PDB file of N, CA and C in Angstrom:
ATOM      1  N   MET A   1     -10.538   2.487  18.196  1.00  0.00           N
ATOM      2  CA  MET A   1      -9.098   2.178  18.226  1.00  0.00           C
ATOM      3  C   MET A   1      -8.440   2.661  16.930  1.00  0.00           C
ATOM      4  N   GLY A   2      -7.345   3.411  17.076  1.00  0.00           N
ATOM      5  CA  GLY A   2      -6.661   3.910  15.890  1.00  0.00           C
ATOM      6  C   GLY A   2      -7.069   5.332  15.545  1.00  0.00           C
ATOM      7  N   ASP A   3      -8.092   5.848  16.231  1.00  0.00           N
ATOM      8  CA  ASP A   3      -8.527   7.218  15.950  1.00  0.00           C
ATOM      9  C   ASP A   3      -7.483   8.223  16.426  1.00  0.00           C
ATOM     10  N   GLU A   4      -6.746   7.881  17.487  1.00  0.00           N
ATOM     11  CA  GLU A   4      -5.732   8.802  18.035  1.00  0.00           C
ATOM     12  C   GLU A   4      -4.555   8.953  17.077  1.00  0.00           C
ATOM     13  N   THR A   5      -4.271   7.927  16.270  1.00  0.00           N
ATOM     14  CA  THR A   5      -3.130   7.990  15.350  1.00  0.00           C
ATOM     15  C   THR A   5      -3.447   8.910  14.179  1.00  0.00           C
ATOM     16  N   GLY A   6      -2.408   9.533  13.620  1.00  0.00           N
ATOM     17  CA  GLY A   6      -2.624  10.453  12.506  1.00  0.00           C
ATOM     18  C   GLY A   6      -2.987   9.693  11.240  1.00  0.00           C
ATOM     19  N   PRO A   7      -3.669  10.333  10.304  1.00  0.00           N
ATOM     20  CA  PRO A   7      -4.077   9.696   9.053  1.00  0.00           C
ATOM     21  C   PRO A   7      -2.885   9.350   8.162  1.00  0.00           C
ATOM     22  N   LEU A   8      -1.764  10.053   8.393  1.00  0.00           N
ATOM     23  CA  LEU A   8      -0.581   9.795   7.563  1.00  0.00           C
ATOM     24  C   LEU A   8      -0.117   8.353   7.740  1.00  0.00           C
ATOM     25  N   GLU A   9      -0.203   7.846   8.965  1.00  0.00           N
ATOM     26  CA  GLU A   9       0.246   6.465   9.209  1.00  0.00           C
ATOM     27  C   GLU A   9      -0.568   5.492   8.363  1.00  0.00           C
ATOM     28  N   VAL A  10      -1.880   5.681   8.346  1.00  0.00           N
ATOM     29  CA  VAL A  10      -2.738   4.789   7.559  1.00  0.00           C
ATOM     30  C   VAL A  10      -2.437   4.955   6.076  1.00  0.00           C
ATOM     31  N   ASP A  11      -2.283   6.209   5.646  1.00  0.00           N
ATOM     32  CA  ASP A  11      -1.998   6.460   4.231  1.00  0.00           C
ATOM     33  C   ASP A  11      -0.701   5.768   3.826  1.00  0.00           C
ATOM     34  N   ASP A  12       0.322   5.835   4.687  1.00  0.00           N
ATOM     35  CA  ASP A  12       1.599   5.187   4.357  1.00  0.00           C
ATOM     36  C   ASP A  12       1.385   3.693   4.149  1.00  0.00           C
ATOM     37  N   GLU A  13       0.594   3.076   5.014  1.00  0.00           N
ATOM     38  CA  GLU A  13       0.356   1.633   4.884  1.00  0.00           C
ATOM     39  C   GLU A  13      -0.351   1.332   3.571  1.00  0.00           C
ATOM     40  N   ILE A  14      -1.341   2.163   3.232  1.00  0.00           N
ATOM     41  CA  ILE A  14      -2.083   1.948   1.976  1.00  0.00           C
ATOM     42  C   ILE A  14      -1.154   2.135   0.781  1.00  0.00           C
ATOM     43  N   VAL A  15      -0.306   3.166   0.842  1.00  0.00           N
ATOM     44  CA  VAL A  15       0.617   3.436  -0.274  1.00  0.00           C
ATOM     45  C   VAL A  15       1.579   2.261  -0.450  1.00  0.00           C
ATOM     46  N   LEU A  16       2.134   1.776   0.666  1.00  0.00           N
ATOM     47  CA  LEU A  16       3.065   0.649   0.581  1.00  0.00           C
ATOM     48  C   LEU A  16       2.347  -0.570   0.010  1.00  0.00           C
ATOM     49  N   PHE A  17       1.133  -0.836   0.479  1.00  0.00           N
ATOM     50  CA  PHE A  17       0.368  -1.979  -0.030  1.00  0.00           C
ATOM     51  C   PHE A  17       0.086  -1.814  -1.517  1.00  0.00           C
ATOM     52  N   GLY A  18      -0.265  -0.592  -1.909  1.00  0.00           N
ATOM     53  CA  GLY A  18      -0.557  -0.331  -3.317  1.00  0.00           C
ATOM     54  C   GLY A  18       0.683  -0.565  -4.181  1.00  0.00           C
ATOM     55  N   ARG A  19       1.834  -0.095  -3.699  1.00  0.00           N
ATOM     56  CA  ARG A  19       3.067  -0.280  -4.477  1.00  0.00           C
ATOM     57  C   ARG A  19       3.369  -1.763  -4.626  1.00  0.00           C
ATOM     58  N   GLU A  20       3.236  -2.518  -3.543  1.00  0.00           N
ATOM     59  CA  GLU A  20       3.500  -3.957  -3.612  1.00  0.00           C
ATOM     60  C   GLU A  20       2.525  -4.615  -4.580  1.00  0.00           C
ATOM     61  N   PHE A  21       1.252  -4.217  -4.511  1.00  0.00           N
ATOM     62  CA  PHE A  21       0.239  -4.797  -5.401  1.00  0.00           C
ATOM     63  C   PHE A  21       0.576  -4.485  -6.856  1.00  0.00           C
ATOM     64  N   LEU A  22       0.951  -3.229  -7.132  1.00  0.00           N
ATOM     65  CA  LEU A  22       1.295  -2.846  -8.505  1.00  0.00           C
ATOM     66  C   LEU A  22       2.527  -3.623  -8.963  1.00  0.00           C
ATOM     67  N   ASP A  23       3.511  -3.789  -8.072  1.00  0.00           N
ATOM     68  CA  ASP A  23       4.723  -4.521  -8.440  1.00  0.00           C
ATOM     69  C   ASP A  23       4.365  -5.958  -8.813  1.00  0.00           C
ATOM     70  N   THR A  24       3.506  -6.591  -8.028  1.00  0.00           N
ATOM     71  CA  THR A  24       3.137  -7.983  -8.312  1.00  0.00           C
ATOM     72  C   THR A  24       2.380  -8.066  -9.632  1.00  0.00           C
ATOM     73  N   THR A  25       1.483  -7.128  -9.888  1.00  0.00           N
ATOM     74  CA  THR A  25       0.712  -7.143 -11.132  1.00  0.00           C
ATOM     75  C   THR A  25       1.645  -6.892 -12.313  1.00  0.00           C
ATOM     76  N   ASP A  26       2.590  -5.968 -12.160  1.00  0.00           N
ATOM     77  CA  ASP A  26       3.529  -5.670 -13.250  1.00  0.00           C
ATOM     78  C   ASP A  26       4.332  -6.920 -13.598  1.00  0.00           C
ATOM     79  N   THR A  27       4.836  -7.621 -12.590  1.00  0.00           N
ATOM     80  CA  THR A  27       5.627  -8.826 -12.852  1.00  0.00           C
ATOM     81  C   THR A  27       4.752  -9.879 -13.510  1.00  0.00           C
ATOM     82  N   ALA A  28       3.504  -9.985 -13.094  1.00  0.00           N
ATOM     83  CA  ALA A  28       2.595 -10.987 -13.670  1.00  0.00           C
ATOM     84  C   ALA A  28       2.380 -10.689 -15.155  1.00  0.00           C
ATOM     85  N   TRP A  29       2.162  -9.411 -15.477  1.00  0.00           N
ATOM     86  CA  TRP A  29       1.954  -9.049 -16.879  1.00  0.00           C
ATOM     87  C   TRP A  29       3.225  -9.296 -17.689  1.00  0.00           C
ATOM     88  N   ASN A  30       4.392  -9.028 -17.064  1.00  0.00           N
ATOM     89  CA  ASN A  30       5.661  -9.228 -17.767  1.00  0.00           C
ATOM     90  C   ASN A  30       5.888 -10.707 -18.062  1.00  0.00           C
ATOM     91  N   LEU A  31       5.362 -11.573 -17.197  1.00  0.00           N
ATOM     92  CA  LEU A  31       5.518 -13.013 -17.451  1.00  0.00           C
ATOM     93  C   LEU A  31       4.744 -13.323 -18.718  1.00  0.00           C
TER      94      LEU A  31
END
């Protein structure tokens, strides 16, 4: 399941997750 979908879709999800994770870590360090 999911093999039919292009890899770009998965990459976008990972990139968005990574950005959110970095944003949360940045705010934590700023605190």
